[in-house]
N, C-alpha and C. Protein backbone atom coordinates (compact mmCIF):
# COMPACT_ATOMS: atom_id res chain seq x y z
N MET A 1 95.46 114.23 109.65
CA MET A 1 95.05 113.86 108.30
C MET A 1 95.97 114.56 107.30
N ILE A 2 96.41 113.82 106.31
CA ILE A 2 97.31 114.41 105.32
C ILE A 2 96.62 114.68 103.99
N GLY A 3 95.33 114.35 103.89
CA GLY A 3 94.59 114.67 102.68
C GLY A 3 94.72 113.65 101.56
N HIS A 4 95.29 112.48 101.87
CA HIS A 4 95.41 111.44 100.85
C HIS A 4 94.33 110.40 101.07
N THR A 5 93.61 110.10 100.01
CA THR A 5 92.59 109.06 100.07
C THR A 5 92.72 108.21 98.81
N ARG A 6 92.12 107.06 98.86
CA ARG A 6 92.11 106.19 97.68
C ARG A 6 91.45 106.93 96.50
N LEU A 7 90.38 107.64 96.78
CA LEU A 7 89.66 108.36 95.73
C LEU A 7 90.51 109.43 95.06
N THR A 8 91.27 110.17 95.85
CA THR A 8 92.00 111.31 95.31
C THR A 8 93.45 111.01 94.92
N HIS A 9 94.00 109.89 95.40
CA HIS A 9 95.42 109.64 95.15
C HIS A 9 95.76 108.27 94.55
N SER A 10 94.78 107.44 94.26
CA SER A 10 95.08 106.13 93.70
C SER A 10 95.73 106.24 92.32
N HIS A 11 95.54 107.36 91.66
CA HIS A 11 96.14 107.55 90.34
C HIS A 11 97.67 107.50 90.39
N LEU A 12 98.25 107.81 91.55
CA LEU A 12 99.71 107.79 91.67
C LEU A 12 100.26 106.37 91.52
N LEU A 13 99.52 105.39 92.02
CA LEU A 13 99.95 104.00 91.91
C LEU A 13 99.60 103.39 90.56
N SER A 14 98.49 103.83 90.00
CA SER A 14 98.04 103.25 88.73
C SER A 14 98.60 103.98 87.52
N LYS A 15 99.35 105.06 87.77
CA LYS A 15 99.96 105.86 86.71
C LYS A 15 98.92 106.41 85.72
N GLU A 16 97.78 106.78 86.25
CA GLU A 16 96.72 107.40 85.47
C GLU A 16 96.70 108.90 85.77
N PRO A 17 95.98 109.67 84.97
CA PRO A 17 95.86 111.10 85.26
C PRO A 17 95.10 111.31 86.58
N PRO A 18 95.35 112.41 87.26
CA PRO A 18 94.63 112.67 88.51
C PRO A 18 93.13 112.79 88.24
N PRO A 19 92.31 112.39 89.21
CA PRO A 19 90.86 112.45 89.01
C PRO A 19 90.35 113.89 88.98
N MET A 20 89.32 114.09 88.20
CA MET A 20 88.68 115.39 88.10
C MET A 20 87.26 115.27 88.66
N CYS A 21 86.78 116.35 89.25
CA CYS A 21 85.41 116.39 89.74
C CYS A 21 84.48 116.39 88.54
N ILE A 22 83.56 115.45 88.51
CA ILE A 22 82.66 115.35 87.36
C ILE A 22 81.64 116.49 87.34
N TYR A 23 81.49 117.18 88.45
CA TYR A 23 80.53 118.28 88.52
C TYR A 23 81.16 119.63 88.24
N CYS A 24 82.41 119.81 88.63
CA CYS A 24 83.06 121.12 88.54
C CYS A 24 84.20 121.17 87.53
N SER A 25 84.60 120.03 87.01
CA SER A 25 85.73 119.95 86.07
C SER A 25 87.00 120.56 86.64
N THR A 26 87.22 120.28 87.92
CA THR A 26 88.44 120.73 88.59
C THR A 26 89.09 119.51 89.24
N LEU A 27 90.32 119.65 89.67
CA LEU A 27 91.03 118.55 90.31
C LEU A 27 90.25 118.08 91.54
N LEU A 28 90.07 116.78 91.64
CA LEU A 28 89.33 116.21 92.77
C LEU A 28 90.28 116.04 93.95
N THR A 29 90.02 116.79 94.99
CA THR A 29 90.83 116.73 96.21
C THR A 29 89.90 116.63 97.41
N VAL A 30 90.46 116.26 98.54
CA VAL A 30 89.69 116.23 99.78
C VAL A 30 89.16 117.63 100.07
N GLU A 31 90.00 118.62 99.90
CA GLU A 31 89.57 120.00 100.14
C GLU A 31 88.40 120.39 99.23
N HIS A 32 88.48 120.03 97.97
CA HIS A 32 87.39 120.36 97.04
C HIS A 32 86.08 119.72 97.51
N ILE A 33 86.13 118.46 97.88
CA ILE A 33 84.93 117.75 98.31
C ILE A 33 84.36 118.38 99.59
N LEU A 34 85.22 118.66 100.55
CA LEU A 34 84.75 119.15 101.84
C LEU A 34 84.41 120.63 101.86
N THR A 35 84.93 121.40 100.91
CA THR A 35 84.71 122.86 100.99
C THR A 35 84.11 123.50 99.75
N ASN A 36 84.44 123.03 98.56
CA ASN A 36 84.14 123.81 97.36
C ASN A 36 83.12 123.24 96.39
N CYS A 37 82.99 121.94 96.32
CA CYS A 37 82.17 121.36 95.27
C CYS A 37 80.72 121.83 95.39
N SER A 38 80.26 122.53 94.39
CA SER A 38 78.91 123.09 94.42
C SER A 38 77.84 122.01 94.41
N HIS A 39 78.16 120.86 93.86
CA HIS A 39 77.19 119.77 93.80
C HIS A 39 76.81 119.28 95.20
N TYR A 40 77.74 119.36 96.14
CA TYR A 40 77.50 118.87 97.49
C TYR A 40 77.12 119.98 98.48
N GLN A 41 76.92 121.17 98.00
CA GLN A 41 76.71 122.32 98.88
C GLN A 41 75.51 122.15 99.81
N THR A 42 74.39 121.73 99.31
CA THR A 42 73.19 121.59 100.14
C THR A 42 73.40 120.54 101.23
N ILE A 43 73.98 119.42 100.86
CA ILE A 43 74.24 118.36 101.84
C ILE A 43 75.28 118.84 102.84
N ARG A 44 76.32 119.49 102.36
CA ARG A 44 77.39 119.99 103.23
C ARG A 44 76.82 120.91 104.30
N HIS A 45 75.89 121.77 103.93
CA HIS A 45 75.32 122.74 104.88
C HIS A 45 74.46 122.08 105.95
N LYS A 46 74.03 120.85 105.72
CA LYS A 46 73.32 120.11 106.76
C LYS A 46 74.25 119.76 107.91
N TYR A 47 75.53 119.60 107.61
CA TYR A 47 76.49 119.12 108.60
C TYR A 47 77.43 120.19 109.12
N TYR A 48 77.75 121.17 108.30
CA TYR A 48 78.65 122.25 108.73
C TYR A 48 78.59 123.41 107.75
N GLN A 49 79.02 124.59 108.23
CA GLN A 49 78.97 125.82 107.44
C GLN A 49 80.35 126.36 107.10
N TYR A 50 81.40 125.73 107.60
CA TYR A 50 82.75 126.24 107.38
C TYR A 50 83.23 125.95 105.97
N SER A 51 84.09 126.84 105.47
CA SER A 51 84.60 126.66 104.10
C SER A 51 86.12 126.56 104.05
N ASP A 52 86.75 126.39 105.20
CA ASP A 52 88.20 126.19 105.18
C ASP A 52 88.52 124.95 106.02
N LEU A 53 89.51 124.21 105.56
CA LEU A 53 89.84 122.93 106.19
C LEU A 53 90.26 123.06 107.65
N SER A 54 90.97 124.10 107.99
CA SER A 54 91.43 124.21 109.38
C SER A 54 90.24 124.28 110.34
N ASN A 55 89.22 125.06 110.01
CA ASN A 55 88.03 125.12 110.86
C ASN A 55 87.27 123.80 110.83
N ILE A 56 87.17 123.21 109.68
CA ILE A 56 86.43 121.96 109.56
C ILE A 56 87.03 120.90 110.48
N PHE A 57 88.35 120.75 110.45
CA PHE A 57 88.98 119.70 111.25
C PHE A 57 89.17 120.08 112.72
N GLN A 58 89.10 121.36 113.04
CA GLN A 58 89.25 121.78 114.43
C GLN A 58 87.91 121.91 115.16
N VAL A 59 86.86 122.24 114.43
CA VAL A 59 85.59 122.58 115.08
C VAL A 59 84.50 121.52 114.86
N ILE A 60 84.44 120.95 113.70
CA ILE A 60 83.35 120.03 113.36
C ILE A 60 83.61 118.65 113.97
N PRO A 61 82.64 118.10 114.66
CA PRO A 61 82.82 116.75 115.20
C PRO A 61 83.03 115.74 114.06
N PRO A 62 83.96 114.82 114.24
CA PRO A 62 84.23 113.85 113.17
C PRO A 62 82.99 113.09 112.69
N LYS A 63 82.04 112.83 113.58
CA LYS A 63 80.84 112.10 113.16
C LYS A 63 80.05 112.89 112.11
N PHE A 64 80.10 114.22 112.14
CA PHE A 64 79.43 115.02 111.12
C PHE A 64 80.12 114.88 109.77
N LEU A 65 81.45 114.87 109.79
CA LEU A 65 82.19 114.70 108.54
C LEU A 65 81.93 113.33 107.94
N ILE A 66 81.92 112.32 108.79
CA ILE A 66 81.66 110.97 108.30
C ILE A 66 80.24 110.87 107.75
N SER A 67 79.29 111.47 108.41
CA SER A 67 77.91 111.45 107.93
C SER A 67 77.80 112.16 106.58
N PHE A 68 78.48 113.27 106.44
CA PHE A 68 78.49 113.99 105.16
C PHE A 68 79.06 113.12 104.06
N ILE A 69 80.20 112.51 104.31
CA ILE A 69 80.86 111.67 103.30
C ILE A 69 79.99 110.46 102.95
N LYS A 70 79.30 109.92 103.93
CA LYS A 70 78.38 108.81 103.65
C LYS A 70 77.20 109.27 102.81
N GLU A 71 76.65 110.42 103.14
CA GLU A 71 75.47 110.90 102.41
C GLU A 71 75.78 111.23 100.96
N ILE A 72 77.00 111.66 100.67
CA ILE A 72 77.35 111.96 99.28
C ILE A 72 77.89 110.72 98.56
N ASN A 73 77.79 109.59 99.23
CA ASN A 73 78.17 108.29 98.64
C ASN A 73 79.64 108.17 98.28
N LEU A 74 80.50 108.76 99.08
CA LEU A 74 81.93 108.63 98.85
C LEU A 74 82.65 107.89 99.97
N TYR A 75 81.92 107.49 100.98
CA TYR A 75 82.54 106.86 102.15
C TYR A 75 83.42 105.67 101.78
N HIS A 76 82.94 104.79 100.95
CA HIS A 76 83.70 103.59 100.60
C HIS A 76 84.80 103.86 99.58
N GLN A 77 84.86 105.06 99.07
CA GLN A 77 85.92 105.42 98.12
C GLN A 77 87.07 106.14 98.81
N PHE A 78 86.85 106.55 100.06
CA PHE A 78 87.90 107.24 100.79
C PHE A 78 88.82 106.21 101.37
């Protein structure tokens, strides 16, 4: 995975400003969604407890990540 998604990188093609997290007012990235966004913290903890991408992608079963992304309603935006 290279960390590029339609949600986080479509601005490059549309020549718009990069997306910002509406909850944290920080740059919206895959890492932010999977590790840092406080809005998703409770849901994130249902699926995993890691806070760094290397552990998330090495240890967490992909079905848990997909379930997390679906539950936060971002699945179709990735």
